[in-house]
């Protein structure tokens, strides 16, 4: 399976990296590497993440990397990373019945950083601008 980010998921991931980078650049690199390794495993084991404790009836799962929750769902041989939140943030329920639920999942809490100038580089994990 391919691993792709929705635009919202990619933005939140880059914001998390930028936020960590402000205080500790080497920790940001370490977080990026750990996230890429964890997310790449989902290509072989997409069901390995846990169901969301808050919304067990929805088709989303999560994996946790350090203090960040990576929310995802699988569709058409693709694992879509739909959101990345710090563990202290509380999620709102995604809108139901929308053709693309993953793009309608917004967080309650404000973003951790407005700086999204960081870029990810790595194998097996990429962004997608099609908004799937």
Protein backbone atom coordinates (compact mmCIF):
# COMPACT_ATOMS: atom_id res chain seq x y z
CA UNK A 1 0.00 0.00 0.00
CA UNK A 2 1.02 3.59 -0.61
CA UNK A 3 1.24 6.07 2.26
CA UNK A 4 -0.05 9.55 1.41
CA UNK A 5 -1.02 12.65 3.36
CA UNK A 6 -4.16 14.64 2.78
CA UNK A 7 -3.38 18.37 2.51
CA UNK A 8 -4.60 18.91 6.09
CA UNK A 9 -2.59 15.97 7.43
CA UNK A 10 0.55 17.13 5.65
CA UNK A 11 0.14 20.70 6.93
CA UNK A 12 -0.30 19.48 10.50
CA UNK A 13 2.73 17.20 10.22
CA UNK A 14 4.90 20.05 8.93
CA UNK A 15 3.60 22.32 11.70
CA UNK A 16 4.56 19.72 14.31
CA UNK A 17 8.07 19.44 12.86
CA UNK A 18 8.43 23.24 12.77
CA UNK A 19 7.20 23.54 16.36
CA UNK A 20 9.71 20.96 17.61
CA UNK A 21 12.46 22.55 15.52
CA UNK A 22 12.03 25.91 17.27
CA UNK A 23 13.37 24.48 20.53
CA UNK A 24 15.49 21.57 19.37
CA UNK A 25 16.44 21.09 15.69
CA UNK A 26 17.98 17.66 16.27
CA UNK A 27 14.80 16.48 18.03
CA UNK A 28 12.81 17.60 14.98
CA UNK A 29 15.01 15.49 12.70
CA UNK A 30 14.68 12.54 15.07
CA UNK A 31 10.88 12.95 15.15
CA UNK A 32 10.73 13.10 11.34
CA UNK A 33 12.80 9.92 11.01
CA UNK A 34 10.74 8.06 13.62
CA UNK A 35 7.49 9.19 11.96
CA UNK A 36 8.67 8.07 8.51
CA UNK A 37 9.69 4.67 9.88
CA UNK A 38 6.38 4.19 11.73
CA UNK A 39 4.23 5.37 8.82
CA UNK A 40 6.13 3.26 6.29
CA UNK A 41 5.25 0.15 8.31
CA UNK A 42 1.58 0.91 7.68
CA UNK A 43 2.17 0.04 4.03
CA UNK A 44 2.62 -3.60 5.04
CA UNK A 45 0.43 -3.60 8.15
CA UNK A 46 -2.35 -1.03 7.67
CA UNK A 47 -4.49 -2.54 10.44
CA UNK A 48 -1.68 -2.28 12.98
CA UNK A 49 -2.83 1.09 14.29
CA UNK A 50 -5.48 1.15 16.97
CA UNK A 51 -9.07 2.21 16.46
CA UNK A 52 -9.71 5.69 17.79
CA UNK A 53 -10.86 5.41 21.38
CA UNK A 54 -13.03 8.49 20.93
CA UNK A 55 -14.77 7.26 17.75
CA UNK A 56 -14.61 3.47 17.53
CA UNK A 57 -17.45 3.32 14.99
CA UNK A 58 -15.57 5.40 12.39
CA UNK A 59 -13.13 3.93 9.84
CA UNK A 60 -10.10 5.77 11.26
CA UNK A 61 -7.10 4.37 13.10
CA UNK A 62 -4.07 5.95 14.71
CA UNK A 63 -0.41 5.38 15.39
CA UNK A 64 1.48 7.37 17.97
CA UNK A 65 4.94 8.77 17.37
CA UNK A 66 6.43 10.36 20.44
CA UNK A 67 3.65 12.66 21.68
CA UNK A 68 1.85 12.97 18.33
CA UNK A 69 -1.17 11.04 17.10
CA UNK A 70 -1.24 10.24 13.37
CA UNK A 71 -4.84 9.59 12.32
CA UNK A 72 -5.34 7.57 9.15
CA UNK A 73 -7.71 5.48 7.10
CA UNK A 74 -7.19 3.05 4.27
CA UNK A 75 -8.91 3.38 0.93
CA UNK A 76 -8.16 1.80 -2.44
CA UNK A 77 -4.75 0.37 -1.49
CA UNK A 78 -3.66 3.67 0.03
CA UNK A 79 -3.13 4.66 3.65
CA UNK A 80 -4.26 8.29 3.97
CA UNK A 81 -2.79 10.27 6.87
CA UNK A 82 -5.67 12.65 7.56
CA UNK A 83 -4.53 14.46 10.71
CA UNK A 84 -1.55 14.85 13.05
CA UNK A 85 -2.22 16.20 16.54
CA UNK A 86 -0.32 16.46 19.74
CA UNK A 87 -1.64 13.95 22.28
CA UNK A 88 -2.92 16.75 24.52
CA UNK A 89 -5.33 17.96 21.82
CA UNK A 90 -8.90 16.67 21.78
CA UNK A 91 -10.37 15.76 18.40
CA UNK A 92 -13.81 16.75 17.16
CA UNK A 93 -15.74 14.02 15.40
CA UNK A 94 -15.22 14.05 11.62
CA UNK A 95 -18.25 15.05 9.56
CA UNK A 96 -20.21 12.00 8.49
CA UNK A 97 -21.59 11.35 5.05
CA UNK A 98 -19.21 13.66 3.25
CA UNK A 99 -17.66 12.24 0.11
CA UNK A 100 -14.24 12.90 1.54
CA UNK A 101 -14.44 12.62 5.34
CA UNK A 102 -10.72 13.02 5.78
CA UNK A 103 -10.65 16.60 4.51
CA UNK A 104 -13.47 17.58 6.89
CA UNK A 105 -11.72 16.55 10.08
CA UNK A 106 -10.65 19.67 11.91
CA UNK A 107 -9.16 20.04 15.35
CA UNK A 108 -10.67 21.92 18.28
CA UNK A 109 -7.44 23.45 19.46
CA UNK A 110 -5.48 26.08 17.52
CA UNK A 111 -2.48 25.03 15.49
CA UNK A 112 0.79 24.73 17.35
CA UNK A 113 2.68 26.84 14.85
CA UNK A 114 1.99 28.97 11.80
CA UNK A 115 5.43 28.17 10.36
CA UNK A 116 5.12 25.47 7.70
CA UNK A 117 8.37 26.10 5.87
CA UNK A 118 9.88 22.74 6.82
CA UNK A 119 9.91 20.03 4.18
CA UNK A 120 9.82 16.29 4.55
CA UNK A 121 12.19 14.10 2.63
CA UNK A 122 12.00 10.37 2.82
CA UNK A 123 10.99 7.14 1.24
CA UNK A 124 7.53 5.69 1.40
CA UNK A 125 5.77 8.72 2.85
CA UNK A 126 4.66 11.57 0.66
CA UNK A 127 2.16 14.37 0.44
CA UNK A 128 -0.59 14.58 -2.10
CA UNK A 129 -2.15 17.75 -3.39
CA UNK A 130 -5.19 16.11 -4.98
CA UNK A 131 -7.16 16.35 -1.73
CA UNK A 132 -8.21 12.74 -1.58
